[in-house]
Amino acid sequence: MSVEQVTEKANGLHWSKSSYSGSDGGDCVEVAAGLDAVYVRDSKAAGGGPVLRVGRDGWAAFVALTAG
């Protein structure tokens, strides 16, 4: 898996998505790292859907649990 940069820049955030989402969007999420939080959204609703804000400590714990 790799990460590709999404060209859209919304609210000063650079959104990225997994290469597994495919070229047509697919069923995936996009993430953007802010100064104090990580933001997650549905790639199908990019730019217009809800955004989940997760604190950096919470995101680190989530990644640690899913990485192994």
Protein backbone atom coordinates (compact mmCIF):
# COMPACT_ATOMS: atom_id res chain seq x y z
CA MET A 1 0.00 0.00 0.00
CA SER A 2 1.13 3.52 -0.69
CA VAL A 3 -0.40 6.92 -0.10
CA GLU A 4 -1.17 9.39 -2.84
CA GLN A 5 -1.72 13.10 -2.38
CA VAL A 6 -5.19 14.36 -3.22
CA THR A 7 -5.02 17.53 -5.26
CA GLU A 8 -7.78 19.25 -3.32
CA LYS A 9 -6.69 21.55 -0.54
CA ALA A 10 -9.62 22.34 1.72
CA ASN A 11 -9.39 24.46 4.86
CA GLY A 12 -5.59 24.46 4.58
CA LEU A 13 -5.44 20.67 4.88
CA HIS A 14 -3.70 18.38 2.40
CA TRP A 15 -5.86 15.27 2.02
CA SER A 16 -4.29 11.90 1.23
CA LYS A 17 -5.79 8.53 0.41
CA SER A 18 -4.57 4.97 0.15
CA SER A 19 -3.54 3.62 -3.23
CA TYR A 20 -6.01 0.79 -2.53
CA SER A 21 -8.89 3.19 -3.19
CA GLY A 22 -8.21 3.03 -6.95
CA SER A 23 -8.39 5.72 -9.58
CA ASP A 24 -12.18 6.03 -9.53
CA GLY A 25 -12.40 6.80 -5.82
CA GLY A 26 -13.60 3.42 -4.60
CA ASP A 27 -14.62 2.82 -1.02
CA CYS A 28 -11.89 4.42 1.00
CA VAL A 29 -11.17 7.18 3.45
CA GLU A 30 -8.93 10.20 3.13
CA VAL A 31 -6.86 11.64 5.95
CA ALA A 32 -5.26 15.01 6.60
CA ALA A 33 -2.90 15.90 9.43
CA GLY A 34 -3.46 19.19 11.20
CA LEU A 35 -1.36 20.75 13.93
CA ASP A 36 -3.39 19.29 16.79
CA ALA A 37 -5.52 16.60 15.15
CA VAL A 38 -5.94 14.17 12.27
CA TYR A 39 -9.01 14.57 10.07
CA VAL A 40 -10.78 11.68 8.34
CA ARG A 41 -13.48 11.74 5.66
CA ASP A 42 -15.15 9.42 3.15
CA SER A 43 -13.42 9.67 -0.22
CA LYS A 44 -16.78 9.51 -2.04
CA ALA A 45 -17.96 12.65 -0.24
CA ALA A 46 -14.68 14.56 -0.55
CA GLY A 47 -15.14 18.25 -0.02
CA GLY A 48 -18.82 18.02 0.86
CA GLY A 49 -19.29 15.36 3.47
CA PRO A 50 -18.73 15.20 7.21
CA VAL A 51 -15.21 15.21 8.62
CA LEU A 52 -14.15 13.29 11.72
CA ARG A 53 -11.58 15.06 13.92
CA VAL A 54 -9.35 12.78 16.01
CA GLY A 55 -6.75 14.02 18.47
CA ARG A 56 -3.16 13.05 17.65
CA ASP A 57 -2.89 10.74 20.69
CA GLY A 58 -6.13 9.00 19.73
CA TRP A 59 -4.95 8.61 16.13
CA ALA A 60 -1.61 7.16 17.27
CA ALA A 61 -3.46 4.63 19.45
CA PHE A 62 -5.75 3.69 16.54
CA VAL A 63 -2.80 3.17 14.18
CA ALA A 64 -0.95 1.11 16.78
CA LEU A 65 -3.96 -1.18 17.21
CA THR A 66 -4.54 -1.66 13.49
CA ALA A 67 -0.92 -1.89 12.32
CA GLY A 68 -0.23 -5.24 13.86
